[in-house]
Amino acid sequence: MPQHENLLIQAVDRKRCASCDCWRGERQPGETPAQVAVESETVAGLCVGGGWDNSERRARSACGHWRIWLALHKPDATGSIR
């Protein structure tokens, strides 16, 4: 299970870059499928294929082309979809 100590937890339903499939910044799934963990709200990553394609965006940025990060829907150890 991922370590989330000292990480900022963001809600997936806010539809920010940290939980978007197009964003390539450092992150990890949160403790629940409704969360994503990032180092800080200023962490940045490249947008690939989204509304800000080929632009660096911060974890809390938003756009109208948000798509849920596929890693949030992978089966867990029990075979259930996160």
PDB file of N, CA and C in Angstrom:
ATOM      1  N   MET A   1       0.835  -1.181   0.000  1.00  0.00           N
ATOM      2  CA  MET A   1       0.000   0.000   0.000  1.00  0.00           C
ATOM      3  C   MET A   1       0.886   1.253   0.000  1.00  0.00           C
ATOM      4  N   PRO A   2       0.555   2.293  -0.790  1.00  0.00           N
ATOM      5  CA  PRO A   2       1.383   3.489  -0.860  1.00  0.00           C
ATOM      6  C   PRO A   2       1.430   4.235   0.468  1.00  0.00           C
ATOM      7  N   GLN A   3       2.543   4.902   0.725  1.00  0.00           N
ATOM      8  CA  GLN A   3       2.688   5.758   1.894  1.00  0.00           C
ATOM      9  C   GLN A   3       2.147   7.137   1.560  1.00  0.00           C
ATOM     10  N   HIS A   4       1.292   7.698   2.414  1.00  0.00           N
ATOM     11  CA  HIS A   4       0.714   9.013   2.159  1.00  0.00           C
ATOM     12  C   HIS A   4       1.116  10.035   3.212  1.00  0.00           C
ATOM     13  N   GLU A   5       2.021   9.654   4.131  1.00  0.00           N
ATOM     14  CA  GLU A   5       2.479  10.594   5.143  1.00  0.00           C
ATOM     15  C   GLU A   5       3.150  11.774   4.456  1.00  0.00           C
ATOM     16  N   ASN A   6       2.863  12.948   4.958  1.00  0.00           N
ATOM     17  CA  ASN A   6       3.463  14.194   4.467  1.00  0.00           C
ATOM     18  C   ASN A   6       3.093  14.524   3.028  1.00  0.00           C
ATOM     19  N   LEU A   7       2.073  13.877   2.480  1.00  0.00           N
ATOM     20  CA  LEU A   7       1.613  14.200   1.131  1.00  0.00           C
ATOM     21  C   LEU A   7       0.293  14.952   1.216  1.00  0.00           C
ATOM     22  N   LEU A   8       0.043  15.779   0.234  1.00  0.00           N
ATOM     23  CA  LEU A   8      -1.204  16.508   0.134  1.00  0.00           C
ATOM     24  C   LEU A   8      -2.235  15.620  -0.550  1.00  0.00           C
ATOM     25  N   ILE A   9      -3.395  15.481   0.046  1.00  0.00           N
ATOM     26  CA  ILE A   9      -4.465  14.668  -0.522  1.00  0.00           C
ATOM     27  C   ILE A   9      -5.442  15.576  -1.254  1.00  0.00           C
ATOM     28  N   GLN A  10      -5.729  15.240  -2.499  1.00  0.00           N
ATOM     29  CA  GLN A  10      -6.693  16.006  -3.289  1.00  0.00           C
ATOM     30  C   GLN A  10      -7.870  15.120  -3.660  1.00  0.00           C
ATOM     31  N   ALA A  11      -9.046  15.699  -3.612  1.00  0.00           N
ATOM     32  CA  ALA A  11     -10.267  14.975  -3.973  1.00  0.00           C
ATOM     33  C   ALA A  11     -10.369  14.861  -5.487  1.00  0.00           C
ATOM     34  N   VAL A  12     -10.638  13.665  -5.986  1.00  0.00           N
ATOM     35  CA  VAL A  12     -10.771  13.421  -7.425  1.00  0.00           C
ATOM     36  C   VAL A  12     -11.933  14.219  -8.005  1.00  0.00           C
ATOM     37  N   ASP A  13     -13.018  14.377  -7.251  1.00  0.00           N
ATOM     38  CA  ASP A  13     -14.197  15.063  -7.783  1.00  0.00           C
ATOM     39  C   ASP A  13     -13.979  16.556  -8.039  1.00  0.00           C
ATOM     40  N   ARG A  14     -12.835  17.096  -7.635  1.00  0.00           N
ATOM     41  CA  ARG A  14     -12.509  18.492  -7.944  1.00  0.00           C
ATOM     42  C   ARG A  14     -12.014  18.645  -9.377  1.00  0.00           C
ATOM     43  N   LYS A  15     -11.705  17.512 -10.015  1.00  0.00           N
ATOM     44  CA  LYS A  15     -11.275  17.464 -11.415  1.00  0.00           C
ATOM     45  C   LYS A  15     -10.091  18.390 -11.711  1.00  0.00           C
ATOM     46  N   ARG A  16      -9.029  18.196 -10.945  1.00  0.00           N
ATOM     47  CA  ARG A  16      -7.789  18.957 -11.111  1.00  0.00           C
ATOM     48  C   ARG A  16      -6.755  18.091 -11.818  1.00  0.00           C
ATOM     49  N   CYS A  17      -5.686  18.716 -12.273  1.00  0.00           N
ATOM     50  CA  CYS A  17      -4.658  17.996 -13.032  1.00  0.00           C
ATOM     51  C   CYS A  17      -4.131  16.759 -12.299  1.00  0.00           C
ATOM     52  N   ALA A  18      -3.978  16.830 -10.995  1.00  0.00           N
ATOM     53  CA  ALA A  18      -3.420  15.703 -10.247  1.00  0.00           C
ATOM     54  C   ALA A  18      -4.213  14.416 -10.440  1.00  0.00           C
ATOM     55  N   SER A  19      -5.499  14.524 -10.738  1.00  0.00           N
ATOM     56  CA  SER A  19      -6.315  13.321 -10.928  1.00  0.00           C
ATOM     57  C   SER A  19      -6.699  13.098 -12.390  1.00  0.00           C
ATOM     58  N   CYS A  20      -6.034  13.817 -13.303  1.00  0.00           N
ATOM     59  CA  CYS A  20      -6.324  13.692 -14.737  1.00  0.00           C
ATOM     60  C   CYS A  20      -5.350  12.724 -15.412  1.00  0.00           C
ATOM     61  N   ASP A  21      -5.857  11.933 -16.325  1.00  0.00           N
ATOM     62  CA  ASP A  21      -5.035  10.956 -17.036  1.00  0.00           C
ATOM     63  C   ASP A  21      -3.985  11.619 -17.933  1.00  0.00           C
ATOM     64  N   CYS A  22      -4.185  12.859 -18.313  1.00  0.00           N
ATOM     65  CA  CYS A  22      -3.249  13.558 -19.212  1.00  0.00           C
ATOM     66  C   CYS A  22      -2.043  14.129 -18.477  1.00  0.00           C
ATOM     67  N   TRP A  23      -2.123  14.253 -17.162  1.00  0.00           N
ATOM     68  CA  TRP A  23      -1.074  14.914 -16.381  1.00  0.00           C
ATOM     69  C   TRP A  23       0.041  13.953 -16.043  1.00  0.00           C
ATOM     70  N   ARG A  24       1.298  14.368 -16.216  1.00  0.00           N
ATOM     71  CA  ARG A  24       2.455  13.492 -16.010  1.00  0.00           C
ATOM     72  C   ARG A  24       3.288  13.865 -14.785  1.00  0.00           C
ATOM     73  N   GLY A  25       2.723  14.588 -13.836  1.00  0.00           N
ATOM     74  CA  GLY A  25       3.444  14.932 -12.615  1.00  0.00           C
ATOM     75  C   GLY A  25       3.516  13.768 -11.639  1.00  0.00           C
ATOM     76  N   GLU A  26       4.365  13.904 -10.620  1.00  0.00           N
ATOM     77  CA  GLU A  26       4.513  12.878  -9.586  1.00  0.00           C
ATOM     78  C   GLU A  26       3.268  12.856  -8.709  1.00  0.00           C
ATOM     79  N   ARG A  27       2.682  11.677  -8.543  1.00  0.00           N
ATOM     80  CA  ARG A  27       1.478  11.489  -7.738  1.00  0.00           C
ATOM     81  C   ARG A  27       1.297  10.019  -7.456  1.00  0.00           C
ATOM     82  N   GLN A  28       0.361   9.710  -6.613  1.00  0.00           N
ATOM     83  CA  GLN A  28       0.002   8.326  -6.358  1.00  0.00           C
ATOM     84  C   GLN A  28      -1.463   8.272  -5.949  1.00  0.00           C
ATOM     85  N   PRO A  29      -2.119   7.144  -6.179  1.00  0.00           N
ATOM     86  CA  PRO A  29      -3.501   7.019  -5.739  1.00  0.00           C
ATOM     87  C   PRO A  29      -3.581   7.235  -4.228  1.00  0.00           C
ATOM     88  N   GLY A  30      -4.664   7.839  -3.767  1.00  0.00           N
ATOM     89  CA  GLY A  30      -4.862   8.060  -2.341  1.00  0.00           C
ATOM     90  C   GLY A  30      -5.330   6.801  -1.631  1.00  0.00           C
ATOM     91  N   GLU A  31      -5.685   6.963  -0.381  1.00  0.00           N
ATOM     92  CA  GLU A  31      -6.163   5.839   0.433  1.00  0.00           C
ATOM     93  C   GLU A  31      -7.496   5.292  -0.085  1.00  0.00           C
ATOM     94  N   THR A  32      -8.282   6.137  -0.758  1.00  0.00           N
ATOM     95  CA  THR A  32      -9.565   5.718  -1.321  1.00  0.00           C
ATOM     96  C   THR A  32      -9.569   6.072  -2.806  1.00  0.00           C
ATOM     97  N   PRO A  33     -10.479   5.505  -3.586  1.00  0.00           N
ATOM     98  CA  PRO A  33     -10.551   5.826  -5.010  1.00  0.00           C
ATOM     99  C   PRO A  33     -10.921   7.282  -5.277  1.00  0.00           C
ATOM    100  N   ALA A  34     -11.374   7.993  -4.267  1.00  0.00           N
ATOM    101  CA  ALA A  34     -11.781   9.386  -4.424  1.00  0.00           C
ATOM    102  C   ALA A  34     -10.653  10.364  -4.134  1.00  0.00           C
ATOM    103  N   GLN A  35      -9.417   9.847  -3.963  1.00  0.00           N
ATOM    104  CA  GLN A  35      -8.295  10.706  -3.586  1.00  0.00           C
ATOM    105  C   GLN A  35      -7.049  10.439  -4.419  1.00  0.00           C
ATOM    106  N   VAL A  36      -6.265  11.504  -4.567  1.00  0.00           N
ATOM    107  CA  VAL A  36      -4.947  11.425  -5.192  1.00  0.00           C
ATOM    108  C   VAL A  36      -3.970  12.122  -4.242  1.00  0.00           C
ATOM    109  N   ALA A  37      -2.775  11.572  -4.081  1.00  0.00           N
ATOM    110  CA  ALA A  37      -1.767  12.156  -3.201  1.00  0.00           C
ATOM    111  C   ALA A  37      -0.639  12.761  -4.034  1.00  0.00           C
ATOM    112  N   VAL A  38      -0.277  14.007  -3.698  1.00  0.00           N
ATOM    113  CA  VAL A  38       0.828  14.709  -4.353  1.00  0.00           C
ATOM    114  C   VAL A  38       1.730  15.305  -3.277  1.00  0.00           C
ATOM    115  N   GLU A  39       2.971  15.616  -3.638  1.00  0.00           N
ATOM    116  CA  GLU A  39       3.918  16.173  -2.679  1.00  0.00           C
ATOM    117  C   GLU A  39       3.452  17.523  -2.143  1.00  0.00           C
ATOM    118  N   SER A  40       2.950  18.372  -3.042  1.00  0.00           N
ATOM    119  CA  SER A  40       2.463  19.697  -2.645  1.00  0.00           C
ATOM    120  C   SER A  40       1.552  20.235  -3.737  1.00  0.00           C
ATOM    121  N   GLU A  41       0.844  21.300  -3.447  1.00  0.00           N
ATOM    122  CA  GLU A  41      -0.048  21.858  -4.459  1.00  0.00           C
ATOM    123  C   GLU A  41       0.720  22.582  -5.562  1.00  0.00           C
ATOM    124  N   THR A  42       2.015  22.784  -5.376  1.00  0.00           N
ATOM    125  CA  THR A  42       2.814  23.446  -6.406  1.00  0.00           C
ATOM    126  C   THR A  42       3.572  22.480  -7.305  1.00  0.00           C
ATOM    127  N   VAL A  43       3.463  21.161  -7.052  1.00  0.00           N
ATOM    128  CA  VAL A  43       4.129  20.184  -7.921  1.00  0.00           C
ATOM    129  C   VAL A  43       3.557  20.346  -9.339  1.00  0.00           C
ATOM    130  N   ALA A  44       4.434  20.261 -10.332  1.00  0.00           N
ATOM    131  CA  ALA A  44       4.008  20.468 -11.719  1.00  0.00           C
ATOM    132  C   ALA A  44       4.330  19.244 -12.566  1.00  0.00           C
ATOM    133  N   GLY A  45       3.612  19.137 -13.674  1.00  0.00           N
ATOM    134  CA  GLY A  45       3.828  18.050 -14.614  1.00  0.00           C
ATOM    135  C   GLY A  45       3.356  18.465 -15.986  1.00  0.00           C
ATOM    136  N   LEU A  46       3.800  17.772 -16.985  1.00  0.00           N
ATOM    137  CA  LEU A  46       3.443  18.067 -18.365  1.00  0.00           C
ATOM    138  C   LEU A  46       2.055  17.523 -18.674  1.00  0.00           C
ATOM    139  N   CYS A  47       1.254  18.311 -19.368  1.00  0.00           N
ATOM    140  CA  CYS A  47      -0.045  17.859 -19.870  1.00  0.00           C
ATOM    141  C   CYS A  47       0.210  17.208 -21.227  1.00  0.00           C
ATOM    142  N   VAL A  48      -0.239  15.972 -21.395  1.00  0.00           N
ATOM    143  CA  VAL A  48      -0.034  15.245 -22.641  1.00  0.00           C
ATOM    144  C   VAL A  48      -1.398  14.821 -23.199  1.00  0.00           C
ATOM    145  N   GLY A  49      -1.833  15.496 -24.232  1.00  0.00           N
ATOM    146  CA  GLY A  49      -3.081  15.145 -24.897  1.00  0.00           C
ATOM    147  C   GLY A  49      -4.318  15.803 -24.340  1.00  0.00           C
ATOM    148  N   GLY A  50      -4.174  16.657 -23.360  1.00  0.00           N
ATOM    149  CA  GLY A  50      -5.321  17.333 -22.755  1.00  0.00           C
ATOM    150  C   GLY A  50      -5.489  18.742 -23.289  1.00  0.00           C
ATOM    151  N   GLY A  51      -6.261  19.522 -22.581  1.00  0.00           N
ATOM    152  CA  GLY A  51      -6.549  20.891 -22.981  1.00  0.00           C
ATOM    153  C   GLY A  51      -5.342  21.816 -22.967  1.00  0.00           C
ATOM    154  N   TRP A  52      -4.337  21.475 -22.196  1.00  0.00           N
ATOM    155  CA  TRP A  52      -3.100  22.259 -22.119  1.00  0.00           C
ATOM    156  C   TRP A  52      -1.932  21.454 -22.698  1.00  0.00           C
ATOM    157  N   ASP A  53      -2.183  20.691 -23.747  1.00  0.00           N
ATOM    158  CA  ASP A  53      -1.209  19.781 -24.351  1.00  0.00           C
ATOM    159  C   ASP A  53       0.175  20.416 -24.491  1.00  0.00           C
ATOM    160  N   ASN A  54       1.174  19.694 -23.997  1.00  0.00           N
ATOM    161  CA  ASN A  54       2.582  20.092 -24.030  1.00  0.00           C
ATOM    162  C   ASN A  54       2.905  21.306 -23.176  1.00  0.00           C
ATOM    163  N   SER A  55       2.034  21.627 -22.216  1.00  0.00           N
ATOM    164  CA  SER A  55       2.294  22.715 -21.271  1.00  0.00           C
ATOM    165  C   SER A  55       2.483  22.133 -19.883  1.00  0.00           C
ATOM    166  N   GLU A  56       3.368  22.751 -19.107  1.00  0.00           N
ATOM    167  CA  GLU A  56       3.544  22.325 -17.729  1.00  0.00           C
ATOM    168  C   GLU A  56       2.421  22.924 -16.889  1.00  0.00           C
ATOM    169  N   ARG A  57       1.779  22.082 -16.094  1.00  0.00           N
ATOM    170  CA  ARG A  57       0.640  22.505 -15.278  1.00  0.00           C
ATOM    171  C   ARG A  57       0.847  22.055 -13.834  1.00  0.00           C
ATOM    172  N   ARG A  58       0.373  22.856 -12.900  1.00  0.00           N
ATOM    173  CA  ARG A  58       0.448  22.492 -11.483  1.00  0.00           C
ATOM    174  C   ARG A  58      -0.648  21.484 -11.134  1.00  0.00           C
ATOM    175  N   ALA A  59      -0.428  20.756 -10.067  1.00  0.00           N
ATOM    176  CA  ALA A  59      -1.356  19.698  -9.632  1.00  0.00           C
ATOM    177  C   ALA A  59      -2.778  20.207  -9.423  1.00  0.00           C
ATOM    178  N   ARG A  60      -2.938  21.443  -8.969  1.00  0.00           N
ATOM    179  CA  ARG A  60      -4.272  21.973  -8.677  1.00  0.00           C
ATOM    180  C   ARG A  60      -4.895  22.713  -9.843  1.00  0.00           C
ATOM    181  N   SER A  61      -4.232  22.739 -11.003  1.00  0.00           N
ATOM    182  CA  SER A  61      -4.804  23.400 -12.178  1.00  0.00           C
ATOM    183  C   SER A  61      -6.001  22.614 -12.681  1.00  0.00           C
ATOM    184  N   ALA A  62      -6.849  23.299 -13.441  1.00  0.00           N
ATOM    185  CA  ALA A  62      -8.046  22.659 -13.986  1.00  0.00           C
ATOM    186  C   ALA A  62      -8.230  23.065 -15.442  1.00  0.00           C
ATOM    187  N   CYS A  63      -8.982  22.253 -16.185  1.00  0.00           N
ATOM    188  CA  CYS A  63      -9.373  22.613 -17.548  1.00  0.00           C
ATOM    189  C   CYS A  63     -10.613  21.813 -17.912  1.00  0.00           C
ATOM    190  N   GLY A  64     -11.200  22.128 -19.023  1.00  0.00           N
ATOM    191  CA  GLY A  64     -12.428  21.469 -19.442  1.00  0.00           C
ATOM    192  C   GLY A  64     -12.232  20.122 -20.112  1.00  0.00           C
ATOM    193  N   HIS A  65     -10.997  19.638 -20.192  1.00  0.00           N
ATOM    194  CA  HIS A  65     -10.717  18.366 -20.874  1.00  0.00           C
ATOM    195  C   HIS A  65     -10.296  17.266 -19.899  1.00  0.00           C
ATOM    196  N   TRP A  66     -10.625  17.430 -18.628  1.00  0.00           N
ATOM    197  CA  TRP A  66     -10.233  16.482 -17.579  1.00  0.00           C
ATOM    198  C   TRP A  66     -10.785  15.081 -17.856  1.00  0.00           C
ATOM    199  N   ARG A  67      -9.909  14.078 -17.680  1.00  0.00           N
ATOM    200  CA  ARG A  67     -10.286  12.655 -17.774  1.00  0.00           C
ATOM    201  C   ARG A  67      -9.682  11.950 -16.562  1.00  0.00           C
ATOM    202  N   ILE A  68     -10.472  11.163 -15.877  1.00  0.00           N
ATOM    203  CA  ILE A  68      -9.975  10.530 -14.656  1.00  0.00           C
ATOM    204  C   ILE A  68      -8.727   9.691 -14.929  1.00  0.00           C
ATOM    205  N   TRP A  69      -7.762   9.793 -14.049  1.00  0.00           N
ATOM    206  CA  TRP A  69      -6.502   9.057 -14.133  1.00  0.00           C
ATOM    207  C   TRP A  69      -6.799   7.566 -14.088  1.00  0.00           C
ATOM    208  N   LEU A  70      -6.352   6.832 -15.090  1.00  0.00           N
ATOM    209  CA  LEU A  70      -6.660   5.400 -15.200  1.00  0.00           C
ATOM    210  C   LEU A  70      -6.153   4.581 -14.015  1.00  0.00           C
ATOM    211  N   ALA A  71      -5.082   5.008 -13.372  1.00  0.00           N
ATOM    212  CA  ALA A  71      -4.557   4.279 -12.216  1.00  0.00           C
ATOM    213  C   ALA A  71      -5.561   4.238 -11.064  1.00  0.00           C
ATOM    214  N   LEU A  72      -6.531   5.138 -11.069  1.00  0.00           N
ATOM    215  CA  LEU A  72      -7.541   5.144 -10.014  1.00  0.00           C
ATOM    216  C   LEU A  72      -8.597   4.067 -10.221  1.00  0.00           C
ATOM    217  N   HIS A  73      -8.574   3.411 -11.377  1.00  0.00           N
ATOM    218  CA  HIS A  73      -9.568   2.384 -11.678  1.00  0.00           C
ATOM    219  C   HIS A  73      -8.956   1.003 -11.891  1.00  0.00           C
ATOM    220  N   LYS A  74      -7.760   0.799 -11.382  1.00  0.00           N
ATOM    221  CA  LYS A  74      -7.118  -0.510 -11.519  1.00  0.00           C
ATOM    222  C   LYS A  74      -7.597  -1.446 -10.412  1.00  0.00           C
ATOM    223  N   PRO A  75      -7.613  -2.746 -10.679  1.00  0.00           N
ATOM    224  CA  PRO A  75      -8.007  -3.693  -9.637  1.00  0.00           C
ATOM    225  C   PRO A  75      -7.015  -3.665  -8.467  1.00  0.00           C
ATOM    226  N   ASP A  76      -7.525  -3.778  -7.260  1.00  0.00           N
ATOM    227  CA  ASP A  76      -6.645  -3.852  -6.093  1.00  0.00           C
ATOM    228  C   ASP A  76      -6.284  -5.317  -5.807  1.00  0.00           C
ATOM    229  N   ALA A  77      -5.671  -5.576  -4.682  1.00  0.00           N
ATOM    230  CA  ALA A  77      -5.203  -6.934  -4.347  1.00  0.00           C
ATOM    231  C   ALA A  77      -6.352  -7.943  -4.282  1.00  0.00           C
ATOM    232  N   THR A  78      -7.563  -7.481  -4.031  1.00  0.00           N
ATOM    233  CA  THR A  78      -8.715  -8.391  -3.944  1.00  0.00           C
ATOM    234  C   THR A  78      -9.404  -8.579  -5.289  1.00  0.00           C
ATOM    235  N   GLY A  79      -8.947  -7.832  -6.317  1.00  0.00           N
ATOM    236  CA  GLY A  79      -9.566  -7.923  -7.624  1.00  0.00           C
ATOM    237  C   GLY A  79     -10.675  -6.911  -7.839  1.00  0.00           C
ATOM    238  N   SER A  80     -10.970  -6.117  -6.802  1.00  0.00           N
ATOM    239  CA  SER A  80     -12.002  -5.086  -6.927  1.00  0.00           C
ATOM    240  C   SER A  80     -11.432  -3.864  -7.632  1.00  0.00           C
ATOM    241  N   ILE A  81     -12.266  -3.192  -8.413  1.00  0.00           N
ATOM    242  CA  ILE A  81     -11.831  -1.966  -9.074  1.00  0.00           C
ATOM    243  C   ILE A  81     -11.799  -0.863  -8.022  1.00  0.00           C
ATOM    244  N   ARG A  82     -10.682  -0.147  -7.977  1.00  0.00           N
ATOM    245  CA  ARG A  82     -10.534   0.970  -7.032  1.00  0.00           C
ATOM    246  C   ARG A  82     -11.536   2.048  -7.332  1.00  0.00           C
TER     247      ARG A  82
END
